[in-house]
């Protein structure tokens, strides 16, 4: 008799899963590390204060903070807090010693005025944006400049501006401009890194869903599966869910922006054509099966 052959040893499932688990762990650590670094960098940018202007002891400090940016209206809201320093102020800088007037740039809608010996209040002003177009979303950029010139009692006094940004949907690059009599800052606004990453992710998801529907439609039409109602329900649900998903884009982009022409409109078109093709193919397959005579 021939000696019995050795039976194959069963594979160890734990050993085969170990490389996969290690790869997933490394990917998780890398993703969290990159995300933490991006979040920290963006947080540092929002916490940065850009000073420009005079450093004299007797001066007017202007804290200007971007509260919100309306790309559709091409303007931003700037919150302004004024503090007269030294002999120019009273009650620890809460009131000016004389009538205080702040002249702004041409892009700013209106100057600011404060009465003498009255408490200074924080005010919001609108600043017009130039350049760029919201149709370039999420890659649209804008430019503007802000300027403050201080007059106390009709006489020009030194002024210093402290600029910062608190709008999480936009990142602002501030460039101080040299000026002897005013505090001037040039601004360049673009979408924040978080918004840009999310918008690109949305475009990738749209194309991935469209590709999934195309593969499903190809399988159903080539195999002549007929009218598979669960598959048709999934395709139709994807068609309408994609529109709702597009409307979650931050910043309310208008129809016809880069997001639409790069992904959304094409994905919707392809999914709709796939649904129509599957229905026509399924109906034809069902009719052919109904007309085929049955064997006795």
Protein backbone atom coordinates (compact mmCIF):
# COMPACT_ATOMS: atom_id res chain seq x y z
CA UNK A 1 0.00 0.00 0.00
CA UNK A 2 1.17 3.46 -0.78
CA UNK A 3 1.92 5.57 2.24
CA UNK A 4 -0.83 8.06 2.91
CA UNK A 5 -0.01 11.52 1.64
CA UNK A 6 0.30 14.30 4.11
CA UNK A 7 -2.88 16.35 4.29
CA UNK A 8 -2.41 20.11 3.68
CA UNK A 9 -2.08 22.14 6.81
CA UNK A 10 -4.88 24.60 7.42
CA UNK A 11 -3.91 28.20 7.01
CA UNK A 12 -3.81 30.37 10.04
CA UNK A 13 -6.33 33.14 9.54
CA UNK A 14 -4.75 35.24 12.28
CA UNK A 15 -1.36 35.24 10.57
CA UNK A 16 -2.88 36.23 7.21
CA UNK A 17 -4.81 39.08 8.78
CA UNK A 18 -1.80 40.47 10.62
CA UNK A 19 -0.26 42.36 7.62
CA UNK A 20 -3.67 43.80 6.76
CA UNK A 21 -4.24 44.99 10.31
CA UNK A 22 -0.75 46.48 10.48
CA UNK A 23 -1.31 48.31 7.19
CA UNK A 24 -4.62 49.68 8.43
CA UNK A 25 -3.00 50.78 11.68
CA UNK A 26 -0.21 52.59 9.85
CA UNK A 27 -2.72 54.23 7.50
CA UNK A 28 -4.80 55.33 10.48
CA UNK A 29 -1.79 56.84 12.27
CA UNK A 30 -0.65 58.65 9.11
CA UNK A 31 -4.14 60.01 8.42
CA UNK A 32 -4.56 61.25 11.99
CA UNK A 33 -1.08 62.77 11.96
CA UNK A 34 -1.64 64.62 8.69
CA UNK A 35 -5.07 65.76 9.82
CA UNK A 36 -3.70 67.02 13.15
CA UNK A 37 -0.92 68.92 11.39
CA UNK A 38 -3.37 70.54 8.94
CA UNK A 39 -5.76 71.48 11.75
CA UNK A 40 -2.94 72.95 13.84
CA UNK A 41 -1.62 74.94 10.89
CA UNK A 42 -5.06 76.33 10.10
CA UNK A 43 -5.67 77.14 13.75
CA UNK A 44 -2.38 79.03 13.93
CA UNK A 45 -3.37 81.04 10.87
CA UNK A 46 -6.67 82.06 12.49
CA UNK A 47 -4.92 83.03 15.74
CA UNK A 48 -2.32 85.18 13.96
CA UNK A 49 -2.62 88.95 14.42
CA UNK A 50 -1.01 91.16 11.77
CA UNK A 51 0.11 94.58 13.09
CA UNK A 52 0.73 97.60 10.89
CA UNK A 53 1.09 101.32 11.59
CA UNK A 54 2.67 103.54 14.21
CA UNK A 55 4.13 102.35 17.49
CA UNK A 56 3.96 105.73 19.25
CA UNK A 57 2.73 105.84 22.84
CA UNK A 58 0.02 108.36 21.93
CA UNK A 59 -1.88 106.61 19.16
CA UNK A 60 -5.19 105.06 18.18
CA UNK A 61 -5.33 101.27 18.08
CA UNK A 62 -7.76 99.68 15.63
CA UNK A 63 -8.51 95.99 16.03
CA UNK A 64 -10.02 94.83 12.71
CA UNK A 65 -11.35 91.26 12.52
CA UNK A 66 -12.99 89.58 9.53
CA UNK A 67 -16.30 88.17 10.76
CA UNK A 68 -17.72 86.74 7.54
CA UNK A 69 -17.12 86.78 3.80
CA UNK A 70 -20.01 86.84 1.33
CA UNK A 71 -18.51 85.79 -1.97
CA UNK A 72 -21.82 86.08 -3.83
CA UNK A 73 -22.24 89.72 -2.73
CA UNK A 74 -18.47 90.30 -3.12
CA UNK A 75 -18.02 91.83 0.31
CA UNK A 76 -16.78 91.00 3.79
CA UNK A 77 -17.90 92.15 7.22
CA UNK A 78 -15.11 93.71 9.28
CA UNK A 79 -15.57 94.15 13.03
CA UNK A 80 -13.71 97.23 14.24
CA UNK A 81 -12.75 97.98 17.82
CA UNK A 82 -11.08 101.32 18.49
CA UNK A 83 -8.91 102.13 21.53
CA UNK A 84 -7.26 105.56 21.98
CA UNK A 85 -3.95 105.22 23.82
CA UNK A 86 -1.95 107.62 25.99
CA UNK A 87 -3.11 111.24 26.07
CA UNK A 88 -5.56 110.60 23.24
CA UNK A 89 -7.89 108.55 25.45
CA UNK A 90 -9.72 108.70 28.73
CA UNK A 91 -10.84 106.07 31.24
CA UNK A 92 -8.10 103.64 30.22
CA UNK A 93 -8.79 104.05 26.52
CA UNK A 94 -12.53 103.48 26.62
CA UNK A 95 -13.33 107.04 25.46
CA UNK A 96 -11.52 109.58 23.25
CA UNK A 97 -10.29 112.88 24.68
CA UNK A 98 -11.84 114.71 21.70
CA UNK A 99 -14.04 113.92 18.73
CA UNK A 100 -12.44 110.97 16.95
CA UNK A 101 -12.89 110.22 13.28
CA UNK A 102 -11.55 107.20 11.39
CA UNK A 103 -11.26 107.62 7.64
CA UNK A 104 -11.25 104.34 5.73
CA UNK A 105 -10.27 103.13 2.27
CA UNK A 106 -12.41 103.48 -0.83
CA UNK A 107 -13.36 99.78 -0.58
CA UNK A 108 -14.82 100.29 2.90
CA UNK A 109 -18.44 101.42 2.96
CA UNK A 110 -18.38 104.41 5.29
CA UNK A 111 -16.12 106.14 7.80
CA UNK A 112 -16.35 105.86 11.59
CA UNK A 113 -16.94 108.66 14.07
CA UNK A 114 -16.88 108.70 17.88
CA UNK A 115 -17.94 111.52 20.19
CA UNK A 116 -15.54 113.00 22.74
CA UNK A 117 -15.73 111.65 26.31
CA UNK A 118 -18.24 108.96 25.25
CA UNK A 119 -17.60 105.25 25.48
CA UNK A 120 -16.25 103.74 22.27
CA UNK A 121 -18.37 100.88 20.93
CA UNK A 122 -17.44 98.10 18.53
CA UNK A 123 -18.79 98.59 15.01
CA UNK A 124 -19.16 96.42 11.91
CA UNK A 125 -18.30 97.79 8.48
CA UNK A 126 -18.61 96.29 5.03
CA UNK A 127 -15.63 96.06 2.70
CA UNK A 128 -16.02 95.46 -1.04
CA UNK A 129 -14.01 92.69 -2.71
CA UNK A 130 -12.37 92.86 -6.12
CA UNK A 131 -11.14 90.18 -8.51
CA UNK A 132 -12.16 86.56 -8.61
CA UNK A 133 -15.56 84.99 -9.20
CA UNK A 134 -17.69 82.70 -7.08
CA UNK A 135 -18.16 80.51 -10.17
CA UNK A 136 -14.56 79.36 -9.58
CA UNK A 137 -15.63 77.69 -6.30
CA UNK A 138 -13.77 76.10 -4.51
CA UNK A 139 -10.71 77.70 -6.14
CA UNK A 140 -11.99 81.30 -6.12
CA UNK A 141 -9.79 84.07 -4.71
CA UNK A 142 -10.49 87.75 -3.97
CA UNK A 143 -8.52 90.86 -3.14
CA UNK A 144 -9.16 94.07 -1.24
CA UNK A 145 -7.42 96.57 1.02
CA UNK A 146 -8.34 98.16 4.33
CA UNK A 147 -7.03 101.49 5.55
CA UNK A 148 -7.52 103.58 8.67
CA UNK A 149 -6.52 107.21 9.13
CA UNK A 150 -7.28 108.79 12.54
CA UNK A 151 -8.29 112.40 13.22
CA UNK A 152 -8.67 113.55 16.83
CA UNK A 153 -10.16 116.99 17.28
CA UNK A 154 -9.59 117.66 13.59
CA UNK A 155 -5.86 116.88 13.81
CA UNK A 156 -4.24 113.78 12.39
CA UNK A 157 -2.84 111.37 15.00
CA UNK A 158 -0.83 108.14 14.73
CA UNK A 159 -2.81 104.96 14.20
CA UNK A 160 -1.98 101.27 14.46
CA UNK A 161 -4.10 98.43 13.06
CA UNK A 162 -4.21 94.87 14.41
CA UNK A 163 -5.75 92.66 11.75
CA UNK A 164 -7.05 89.08 12.23
CA UNK A 165 -9.48 86.65 10.60
CA UNK A 166 -12.23 84.59 12.23
CA UNK A 167 -14.09 83.28 9.16
CA UNK A 168 -13.38 79.55 9.03
CA UNK A 169 -14.45 79.27 5.37
CA UNK A 170 -11.74 81.61 4.12
CA UNK A 171 -8.03 82.03 4.69
CA UNK A 172 -6.64 85.55 4.44
CA UNK A 173 -3.12 86.52 3.43
CA UNK A 174 -2.41 89.99 4.87
CA UNK A 175 0.37 92.19 3.48
CA UNK A 176 1.18 95.48 5.29
CA UNK A 177 1.58 98.46 2.97
CA UNK A 178 4.00 101.29 3.84
CA UNK A 179 2.30 104.57 4.74
CA UNK A 180 3.36 107.45 7.00
CA UNK A 181 -0.07 108.77 7.91
CA UNK A 182 -2.29 105.68 7.87
CA UNK A 183 -2.41 101.96 8.64
CA UNK A 184 -2.90 100.09 5.36
CA UNK A 185 -3.25 96.32 4.84
CA UNK A 186 -3.62 94.49 1.54
CA UNK A 187 -5.73 91.32 1.71
CA UNK A 188 -5.95 88.25 -0.49
CA UNK A 189 -8.78 85.87 0.37
CA UNK A 190 -9.08 82.25 -0.70
CA UNK A 191 -11.03 79.24 0.50
CA UNK A 192 -9.69 77.64 3.66
CA UNK A 193 -7.75 74.39 3.52
CA UNK A 194 -10.52 72.44 5.24
CA UNK A 195 -13.13 73.65 2.75
CA UNK A 196 -10.84 72.94 -0.20
CA UNK A 197 -10.14 69.38 0.99
CA UNK A 198 -13.84 68.72 1.57
CA UNK A 199 -14.83 70.09 -1.85
CA UNK A 200 -12.23 67.94 -3.62
CA UNK A 201 -13.42 64.96 -1.57
CA UNK A 202 -16.99 65.65 -2.71
CA UNK A 203 -15.91 65.65 -6.35
CA UNK A 204 -14.12 62.34 -5.84
CA UNK A 205 -17.20 60.80 -4.19
CA UNK A 206 -19.42 61.98 -7.06
CA UNK A 207 -17.20 60.34 -9.66
CA UNK A 208 -16.92 57.17 -7.54
CA UNK A 209 -20.72 56.88 -7.26
CA UNK A 210 -21.11 57.48 -10.99
CA UNK A 211 -18.52 54.78 -11.72
CA UNK A 212 -20.36 52.36 -9.41
CA UNK A 213 -23.64 52.94 -11.21
CA UNK A 214 -21.94 52.51 -14.61
CA UNK A 215 -20.46 49.16 -13.53
CA UNK A 216 -23.85 48.01 -12.23
CA UNK A 217 -25.58 49.08 -15.43
CA UNK A 218 -22.98 47.28 -17.54
CA UNK A 219 -23.49 44.08 -15.56
CA UNK A 220 -27.28 44.20 -15.83
CA UNK A 221 -27.36 44.98 -19.56
CA UNK A 222 -24.68 42.49 -20.65
CA UNK A 223 -26.07 39.65 -18.56
CA UNK A 224 -29.63 40.44 -19.66
CA UNK A 225 -30.91 40.25 -16.11
CA UNK A 226 -34.18 41.98 -16.96
CA UNK A 227 -35.86 44.45 -14.65
CA UNK A 228 -34.02 44.08 -11.36
CA UNK A 229 -36.02 46.39 -9.16
CA UNK A 230 -33.57 46.58 -6.20
CA UNK A 231 -30.80 47.66 -8.57
CA UNK A 232 -33.04 50.24 -10.23
CA UNK A 233 -34.06 51.58 -6.82
CA UNK A 234 -30.42 51.94 -5.83
CA UNK A 235 -29.56 53.78 -9.06
CA UNK A 236 -32.52 56.13 -8.77
CA UNK A 237 -31.75 56.80 -5.10
CA UNK A 238 -28.15 57.60 -6.03
CA UNK A 239 -29.38 60.07 -8.66
CA UNK A 240 -31.38 62.08 -6.14
CA UNK A 241 -29.00 61.59 -3.20
CA UNK A 242 -26.17 63.08 -5.23
CA UNK A 243 -28.12 66.33 -5.64
CA UNK A 244 -28.70 66.51 -1.87
CA UNK A 245 -25.04 65.72 -1.26
CA UNK A 246 -24.00 68.55 -3.57
CA UNK A 247 -26.14 71.02 -1.62
CA UNK A 248 -24.15 70.27 1.55
CA UNK A 249 -21.08 71.96 0.06
CA UNK A 250 -19.98 74.70 2.52
CA UNK A 251 -20.28 78.26 1.33
CA UNK A 252 -23.46 77.68 -0.74
CA UNK A 253 -21.80 77.61 -4.19
CA UNK A 254 -24.06 78.59 -7.11
CA UNK A 255 -25.09 76.25 -9.90
CA UNK A 256 -22.48 76.26 -12.65
CA UNK A 257 -19.37 76.54 -10.48
CA UNK A 258 -16.21 74.47 -10.89
CA UNK A 259 -17.62 71.83 -8.51
CA UNK A 260 -20.52 71.26 -10.92
CA UNK A 261 -18.57 71.21 -14.18
CA UNK A 262 -15.76 69.07 -12.77
CA UNK A 263 -17.98 66.40 -11.18
CA UNK A 264 -21.63 66.96 -10.23
CA UNK A 265 -23.30 67.65 -13.59
CA UNK A 266 -21.41 64.86 -15.38
CA UNK A 267 -22.06 62.37 -12.58
CA UNK A 268 -25.78 63.18 -12.62
CA UNK A 269 -25.91 62.83 -16.42
CA UNK A 270 -24.12 59.47 -16.42
CA UNK A 271 -26.30 58.05 -13.65
CA UNK A 272 -29.49 59.18 -15.39
CA UNK A 273 -28.36 57.62 -18.68
CA UNK A 274 -27.50 54.38 -16.87
CA UNK A 275 -30.96 54.21 -15.29
CA UNK A 276 -32.59 54.73 -18.68
CA UNK A 277 -30.34 52.14 -20.34
CA UNK A 278 -31.06 49.52 -17.66
CA UNK A 279 -34.82 50.10 -17.92
CA UNK A 280 -34.84 49.80 -21.72
CA UNK A 281 -32.63 46.73 -21.66
CA UNK A 282 -34.72 45.14 -18.92
CA UNK A 283 -37.99 45.77 -20.75
CA UNK A 284 -36.58 44.32 -23.96
CA UNK A 285 -35.32 41.24 -22.13
CA UNK A 286 -38.68 40.76 -20.43
CA UNK A 287 -40.57 41.08 -23.74
CA UNK A 288 -38.27 38.63 -25.48
CA UNK A 289 -38.73 36.12 -22.68
CA UNK A 290 -42.51 36.55 -22.89
CA UNK A 291 -42.59 36.03 -26.68
CA UNK A 292 -40.36 32.94 -26.63
CA UNK A 293 -42.61 29.82 -27.02
CA UNK A 294 -42.44 27.37 -24.19
CA UNK A 295 -41.33 23.83 -24.89
CA UNK A 296 -44.15 21.26 -24.63
